[in-house]
């Protein structure tokens, strides 16, 4: 039954449910509750037919903040590490991308989803960019969004549960941290970097411009020592909520109805991909000095923004996680169109 209340009341109800779920998840020690709470609330409202949706500008603002957050995590040292250990970074990126492409190909070949929809939905990361590019290449964008965000939800939940299970959750002072004051001038400078980076990304027609633009500009200014990036916790919490709602509200009644017959196989493919990533993380933890939670977050096939949010809430090697995720993000953006064309050619004899 469609929620039969006025739109403002629906937004208020969504916000209240999001805060309640976020508080509950944070209180029990599950990582990234400020992301997962709004995400779960969004799924409930989207599936109930609330008709709610975020305006594009609000999501761009949230992504710009996350871009600056990621930029602040990176350092000169991690780029040196990437250069010195490039076989590791390249190998892990290739393995994750290869496994995702393999699953996407077979889902397409088995006609679980029409045309090249499955190959776009199976791409590990770059969720919002994949949805945009899939539409440009003629795939059913609703089903791509369903598959992509189903994977993101499952990966975020698995990563948070793994972190909590291994004792890597925070110390319970999340509320104190949330209301802690932030320095005014660095905050204003960071917001200016976010705005300028977004404008530049849009002008250059970058994929995911509000994420890549601030990330590129922020990294340049941060590493050069020109600015110190700083973001207040309430602003981050609002950005987390917007990202969570963006993902959750994508699960509309219409999309769920279209994807109902494919859901078991989509969930199976997501489970296989998470299992593959877990195995890869175990190998990294076994043969390097990287801890398991850091390794899993680095290779997990979720969205760059959602992984960044989780990484800030647990004691992990954040620069390593962000370097690996950013490298894969760029690889997906470059390889996605090529893989989709390849799958389309392979599938032509079957149609």
Protein backbone atom coordinates (compact mmCIF):
# COMPACT_ATOMS: atom_id res chain seq x y z
CA UNK A 1 0.00 0.00 0.00
CA UNK A 2 1.34 3.39 -0.92
CA UNK A 3 2.12 5.66 2.01
CA UNK A 4 -0.81 8.11 1.97
CA UNK A 5 0.60 11.12 3.78
CA UNK A 6 1.83 14.47 2.54
CA UNK A 7 5.32 14.59 1.10
CA UNK A 8 6.82 16.73 3.91
CA UNK A 9 5.45 14.31 6.50
CA UNK A 10 6.96 11.39 4.60
CA UNK A 11 10.36 13.09 4.65
CA UNK A 12 10.02 13.73 8.38
CA UNK A 13 9.04 10.11 8.98
CA UNK A 14 11.99 8.93 6.87
CA UNK A 15 14.37 11.18 8.81
CA UNK A 16 13.05 9.99 12.18
CA UNK A 17 13.27 6.32 11.21
CA UNK A 18 16.78 6.89 9.83
CA UNK A 19 17.94 8.52 13.07
CA UNK A 20 16.42 5.74 15.16
CA UNK A 21 18.05 2.98 13.10
CA UNK A 22 21.37 4.83 12.96
CA UNK A 23 21.38 5.30 16.74
CA UNK A 24 20.51 1.63 17.27
CA UNK A 25 23.24 0.38 14.92
CA UNK A 26 25.84 2.71 16.41
CA UNK A 27 24.85 1.79 19.95
CA UNK A 28 25.28 -1.94 19.34
CA UNK A 29 28.68 -1.27 17.80
CA UNK A 30 27.94 -1.96 14.13
CA UNK A 31 30.23 0.14 11.96
CA UNK A 32 28.85 2.91 9.73
CA UNK A 33 25.46 3.03 11.41
CA UNK A 34 25.09 6.61 10.20
CA UNK A 35 25.14 5.22 6.64
CA UNK A 36 23.33 1.91 7.16
CA UNK A 37 20.46 3.38 9.21
CA UNK A 38 19.32 5.83 6.50
CA UNK A 39 19.98 3.15 3.87
CA UNK A 40 17.67 0.64 5.57
CA UNK A 41 15.04 3.32 6.19
CA UNK A 42 15.25 4.33 2.53
CA UNK A 43 14.74 0.73 1.41
CA UNK A 44 11.64 0.46 3.61
CA UNK A 45 10.16 3.69 2.28
CA UNK A 46 11.11 2.97 -1.33
CA UNK A 47 9.60 -0.52 -1.25
CA UNK A 48 6.45 0.86 0.41
CA UNK A 49 5.86 3.16 -2.54
CA UNK A 50 6.58 6.44 -0.75
CA UNK A 51 7.49 8.16 -4.03
CA UNK A 52 10.35 9.99 -2.33
CA UNK A 53 13.49 10.82 -4.26
CA UNK A 54 16.47 13.08 -3.70
CA UNK A 55 16.99 16.08 -5.97
CA UNK A 56 20.20 15.77 -7.96
CA UNK A 57 21.85 18.76 -6.29
CA UNK A 58 21.56 17.22 -2.81
CA UNK A 59 23.29 14.02 -3.91
CA UNK A 60 26.00 16.04 -5.65
CA UNK A 61 26.61 17.94 -2.42
CA UNK A 62 26.88 14.71 -0.44
CA UNK A 63 29.29 13.18 -2.94
CA UNK A 64 31.41 16.35 -2.92
CA UNK A 65 31.77 16.09 0.85
CA UNK A 66 32.74 12.41 0.57
CA UNK A 67 35.26 13.31 -2.16
CA UNK A 68 36.95 15.74 0.23
CA UNK A 69 36.78 13.14 2.99
CA UNK A 70 38.64 10.63 0.82
CA UNK A 71 41.17 13.26 -0.26
CA UNK A 72 41.95 13.99 3.38
CA UNK A 73 42.69 10.30 4.00
CA UNK A 74 45.40 10.10 1.34
CA UNK A 75 49.04 11.02 1.84
CA UNK A 76 52.30 11.14 -0.09
CA UNK A 77 53.32 7.92 1.65
CA UNK A 78 50.47 5.90 0.20
CA UNK A 79 51.30 7.00 -3.35
CA UNK A 80 54.90 5.94 -2.72
CA UNK A 81 53.58 2.59 -1.49
CA UNK A 82 51.46 2.19 -4.61
CA UNK A 83 54.50 2.82 -6.82
CA UNK A 84 56.70 0.43 -4.85
CA UNK A 85 54.05 -2.28 -4.61
CA UNK A 86 52.30 -1.74 -7.93
CA UNK A 87 52.08 -5.48 -8.72
CA UNK A 88 49.98 -5.98 -5.56
CA UNK A 89 47.63 -3.08 -6.31
CA UNK A 90 47.34 -3.95 -9.99
CA UNK A 91 46.84 -7.66 -9.30
CA UNK A 92 44.11 -7.13 -6.70
CA UNK A 93 42.33 -4.61 -8.93
CA UNK A 94 42.50 -6.94 -11.93
CA UNK A 95 41.31 -9.94 -9.88
CA UNK A 96 38.27 -8.12 -8.48
CA UNK A 97 37.36 -6.60 -11.83
CA UNK A 98 37.85 -9.95 -13.57
CA UNK A 99 35.63 -11.84 -11.10
CA UNK A 100 32.89 -9.19 -11.38
CA UNK A 101 33.04 -9.22 -15.17
CA UNK A 102 32.88 -13.01 -15.23
CA UNK A 103 29.74 -13.03 -13.09
CA UNK A 104 28.18 -10.24 -15.13
CA UNK A 105 28.90 -12.08 -18.36
CA UNK A 106 27.26 -15.30 -17.21
CA UNK A 107 24.26 -13.51 -15.77
CA UNK A 108 23.83 -11.88 -19.17
CA UNK A 109 24.41 -15.15 -21.04
CA UNK A 110 21.84 -16.94 -18.88
CA UNK A 111 19.49 -14.03 -19.62
CA UNK A 112 18.87 -13.42 -15.92
CA UNK A 113 18.67 -9.74 -16.89
CA UNK A 114 18.16 -8.41 -20.43
CA UNK A 115 20.99 -7.33 -22.73
CA UNK A 116 24.05 -5.79 -21.09
CA UNK A 117 22.21 -4.90 -17.87
CA UNK A 118 24.01 -7.55 -15.82
CA UNK A 119 27.52 -6.52 -16.88
CA UNK A 120 26.88 -2.93 -15.79
CA UNK A 121 25.28 -4.04 -12.53
CA UNK A 122 28.15 -6.39 -11.72
CA UNK A 123 30.88 -3.72 -11.97
CA UNK A 124 32.60 -3.47 -8.55
CA UNK A 125 32.17 0.12 -7.40
CA UNK A 126 31.46 3.36 -9.26
CA UNK A 127 27.77 2.66 -8.63
CA UNK A 128 26.31 6.01 -9.61
CA UNK A 129 28.65 6.35 -12.59
CA UNK A 130 27.72 2.84 -13.80
CA UNK A 131 24.02 3.70 -13.69
CA UNK A 132 24.59 6.86 -15.73
CA UNK A 133 26.80 5.15 -18.33
CA UNK A 134 24.50 2.12 -18.56
CA UNK A 135 21.63 4.39 -19.57
CA UNK A 136 23.81 5.97 -22.26
CA UNK A 137 24.56 2.50 -23.67
CA UNK A 138 20.94 1.38 -23.79
CA UNK A 139 20.75 -0.91 -20.74
CA UNK A 140 17.66 -0.93 -18.51
CA UNK A 141 18.80 1.64 -15.96
CA UNK A 142 16.18 0.56 -13.39
CA UNK A 143 17.52 -2.99 -13.28
CA UNK A 144 21.13 -1.77 -13.31
CA UNK A 145 20.34 0.39 -10.30
CA UNK A 146 18.63 -2.53 -8.58
CA UNK A 147 21.56 -4.88 -9.10
CA UNK A 148 24.17 -2.25 -8.28
CA UNK A 149 22.56 -1.03 -5.09
CA UNK A 150 21.65 -4.55 -3.96
CA UNK A 151 25.37 -5.30 -4.10
CA UNK A 152 26.26 -2.07 -2.29
CA UNK A 153 23.78 -2.79 0.53
CA UNK A 154 25.01 -6.37 0.94
CA UNK A 155 28.68 -5.37 0.84
CA UNK A 156 28.18 -2.51 3.32
CA UNK A 157 26.35 -4.80 5.70
CA UNK A 158 28.96 -7.57 5.36
CA UNK A 159 31.85 -5.14 5.88
CA UNK A 160 30.24 -3.61 8.97
CA UNK A 161 29.43 -7.02 10.42
CA UNK A 162 32.97 -8.25 9.75
CA UNK A 163 34.48 -5.19 11.44
CA UNK A 164 32.21 -5.62 14.46
CA UNK A 165 32.83 -9.38 14.60
CA UNK A 166 36.60 -8.88 14.67
CA UNK A 167 36.35 -6.25 17.37
CA UNK A 168 37.26 -3.37 15.07
CA UNK A 169 34.25 -1.22 15.97
CA UNK A 170 34.47 2.14 17.67
CA UNK A 171 34.53 2.69 21.43
CA UNK A 172 30.88 3.73 21.76
CA UNK A 173 31.54 7.49 21.91
CA UNK A 174 29.87 8.08 18.56
CA UNK A 175 27.39 10.62 19.93
CA UNK A 176 30.15 12.65 21.59
CA UNK A 177 32.11 12.58 18.33
CA UNK A 178 29.05 13.62 16.36
CA UNK A 179 28.57 16.85 18.31
CA UNK A 180 32.27 17.68 18.70
CA UNK A 181 33.11 21.19 17.37
CA UNK A 182 35.21 21.59 14.22
CA UNK A 183 37.65 24.41 13.35
CA UNK A 184 35.78 27.05 11.35
CA UNK A 185 38.39 28.22 8.84
CA UNK A 186 39.55 24.75 7.65
CA UNK A 187 35.89 23.75 7.36
CA UNK A 188 35.06 26.73 5.17
CA UNK A 189 38.15 26.10 3.03
CA UNK A 190 37.16 22.45 2.63
CA UNK A 191 33.63 23.41 1.58
CA UNK A 192 35.11 25.82 -0.96
CA UNK A 193 37.28 22.98 -2.32
CA UNK A 194 34.17 20.77 -2.53
CA UNK A 195 32.24 23.44 -4.45
CA UNK A 196 35.10 24.28 -6.81
CA UNK A 197 35.87 20.61 -7.43
CA UNK A 198 32.24 19.84 -8.24
CA UNK A 199 32.02 22.80 -10.62
CA UNK A 200 35.22 21.68 -12.31
CA UNK A 201 34.02 18.08 -12.56
CA UNK A 202 30.75 19.17 -14.13
CA UNK A 203 32.53 21.50 -16.55
CA UNK A 204 34.93 18.75 -17.62
CA UNK A 205 32.04 16.26 -17.91
CA UNK A 206 33.76 13.77 -15.63
CA UNK A 207 31.89 10.59 -14.68
CA UNK A 208 30.70 11.00 -11.08
CA UNK A 209 31.80 14.67 -11.26
CA UNK A 210 30.85 15.58 -7.70
CA UNK A 211 33.02 12.75 -6.36
CA UNK A 212 36.01 12.84 -8.71
CA UNK A 213 36.24 16.64 -8.99
CA UNK A 214 36.58 17.40 -5.25
CA UNK A 215 38.71 14.27 -4.82
CA UNK A 216 41.23 15.36 -7.46
CA UNK A 217 41.32 19.00 -6.32
CA UNK A 218 41.38 18.04 -2.65
CA UNK A 219 44.25 15.58 -3.07
CA UNK A 220 46.29 18.15 -5.01
CA UNK A 221 45.82 20.91 -2.44
CA UNK A 222 46.07 18.59 0.56
CA UNK A 223 49.27 16.87 -0.50
CA UNK A 224 50.89 20.14 -1.53
CA UNK A 225 50.25 21.51 1.97
CA UNK A 226 48.22 24.45 0.66
CA UNK A 227 45.08 23.53 2.62
CA UNK A 228 44.14 21.36 5.58
CA UNK A 229 40.93 19.49 4.86
CA UNK A 230 38.52 19.37 7.79
CA UNK A 231 34.83 18.46 7.91
CA UNK A 232 32.52 18.74 10.92
CA UNK A 233 30.88 15.52 12.04
CA UNK A 234 27.28 16.82 11.68
CA UNK A 235 27.98 17.65 8.02
CA UNK A 236 29.47 14.21 7.48
CA UNK A 237 26.44 12.60 9.15
CA UNK A 238 24.09 14.51 6.83
CA UNK A 239 26.16 13.43 3.82
CA UNK A 240 26.09 9.82 5.01
CA UNK A 241 22.30 10.04 5.29
CA UNK A 242 21.95 11.45 1.78
CA UNK A 243 24.16 8.67 0.37
CA UNK A 244 22.13 6.06 2.31
CA UNK A 245 18.82 7.49 1.10
CA UNK A 246 20.08 7.62 -2.47
CA UNK A 247 20.85 3.90 -2.30
CA UNK A 248 17.79 2.87 -0.29
CA UNK A 249 15.16 4.86 -2.17
CA UNK A 250 16.36 3.27 -5.43
CA UNK A 251 14.53 0.11 -4.29
CA UNK A 252 11.14 1.28 -5.54
CA UNK A 253 8.10 -0.95 -5.85
CA UNK A 254 8.32 -0.88 -9.66
CA UNK A 255 12.00 -1.83 -9.68
CA UNK A 256 11.43 -4.64 -7.21
CA UNK A 257 8.56 -5.98 -9.32
CA UNK A 258 10.68 -5.94 -12.48
CA UNK A 259 13.57 -7.64 -10.72
CA UNK A 260 11.58 -10.13 -8.63
CA UNK A 261 12.26 -13.13 -10.87
CA UNK A 262 16.00 -12.35 -10.99
CA UNK A 263 16.46 -11.59 -7.28
CA UNK A 264 17.62 -15.07 -6.14
CA UNK A 265 20.28 -15.25 -8.85
CA UNK A 266 21.32 -11.63 -8.29
CA UNK A 267 21.73 -12.35 -4.57
CA UNK A 268 23.67 -15.51 -5.42
CA UNK A 269 26.02 -13.53 -7.66
CA UNK A 270 26.49 -10.90 -4.93
CA UNK A 271 27.20 -13.65 -2.41
CA UNK A 272 29.76 -15.23 -4.73
CA UNK A 273 31.43 -11.86 -5.28
CA UNK A 274 31.56 -11.17 -1.53
CA UNK A 275 32.96 -14.66 -1.00
CA UNK A 276 35.63 -14.08 -3.64
CA UNK A 277 36.55 -10.74 -2.04
CA UNK A 278 36.74 -12.37 1.38
CA UNK A 279 39.10 -15.02 0.03
CA UNK A 280 41.23 -12.34 -1.60
CA UNK A 281 41.29 -10.42 1.69
CA UNK A 282 42.36 -13.55 3.57
CA UNK A 283 45.25 -14.01 1.14
CA UNK A 284 46.30 -10.38 1.57
CA UNK A 285 46.18 -10.68 5.36
CA UNK A 286 48.09 -13.98 5.25
CA UNK A 287 50.95 -12.94 2.99
CA UNK A 288 51.28 -9.24 3.86
CA UNK A 289 51.27 -7.23 7.08
CA UNK A 290 47.77 -5.87 6.34
CA UNK A 291 45.07 -6.71 8.90
CA UNK A 292 41.97 -8.56 7.72
CA UNK A 293 39.47 -5.70 8.10
CA UNK A 294 41.73 -3.33 6.14
CA UNK A 295 42.24 -5.98 3.47
CA UNK A 296 38.52 -6.67 3.14
CA UNK A 297 37.56 -3.01 2.89
CA UNK A 298 40.31 -2.47 0.31
CA UNK A 299 39.03 -5.24 -1.98
CA UNK A 300 35.29 -5.15 -1.17
CA UNK A 301 33.14 -4.58 -4.29
CA UNK A 302 31.03 -1.79 -2.79
CA UNK A 303 30.78 1.84 -3.79
CA UNK A 304 33.80 4.08 -3.19
CA UNK A 305 31.68 6.49 -1.16
CA UNK A 306 30.10 3.84 1.09
CA UNK A 307 33.45 2.11 1.70
CA UNK A 308 34.99 5.48 2.60
CA UNK A 309 32.25 6.04 5.18
CA UNK A 310 32.80 2.60 6.73
CA UNK A 311 36.58 3.10 6.77
CA UNK A 312 36.22 6.26 8.85
CA UNK A 313 34.27 4.42 11.55
CA UNK A 314 36.74 1.59 12.23
CA UNK A 315 40.47 1.53 13.07
CA UNK A 316 41.89 0.47 9.71
CA UNK A 317 44.65 1.66 7.39
CA UNK A 318 42.46 4.26 5.71
CA UNK A 319 45.04 5.49 3.12
CA UNK A 320 45.59 1.91 1.91
CA UNK A 321 41.85 1.25 1.66
CA UNK A 322 41.20 4.48 -0.22
CA UNK A 323 44.16 4.03 -2.57
CA UNK A 324 43.01 0.52 -3.55
CA UNK A 325 39.37 1.57 -3.91
CA UNK A 326 40.22 4.70 -5.92
CA UNK A 327 42.46 2.72 -8.27
CA UNK A 328 39.68 0.21 -8.89
CA UNK A 329 37.13 3.01 -9.28
CA UNK A 330 39.21 4.50 -12.10
CA UNK A 331 39.75 1.06 -13.65
CA UNK A 332 36.00 0.40 -13.65
CA UNK A 333 35.30 3.77 -15.27
CA UNK A 334 37.79 2.96 -18.02
CA UNK A 335 36.91 -0.71 -18.52
CA UNK A 336 33.11 -0.56 -18.08
CA UNK A 337 32.17 0.65 -21.57
CA UNK A 338 34.67 -1.73 -23.23
CA UNK A 339 33.36 -4.73 -21.28
CA UNK A 340 29.74 -3.82 -22.03
CA UNK A 341 30.47 -3.66 -25.76
CA UNK A 342 32.31 -6.99 -25.58
CA UNK A 343 29.38 -8.65 -23.79
CA UNK A 344 26.91 -7.17 -26.28
CA UNK A 345 28.86 -8.70 -29.20
CA UNK A 346 29.06 -12.05 -27.44
CA UNK A 347 25.34 -12.05 -26.76
CA UNK A 348 24.22 -11.14 -30.28
CA UNK A 349 24.06 -14.77 -31.51
CA UNK A 350 21.79 -15.63 -28.54
CA UNK A 351 19.18 -12.95 -29.29
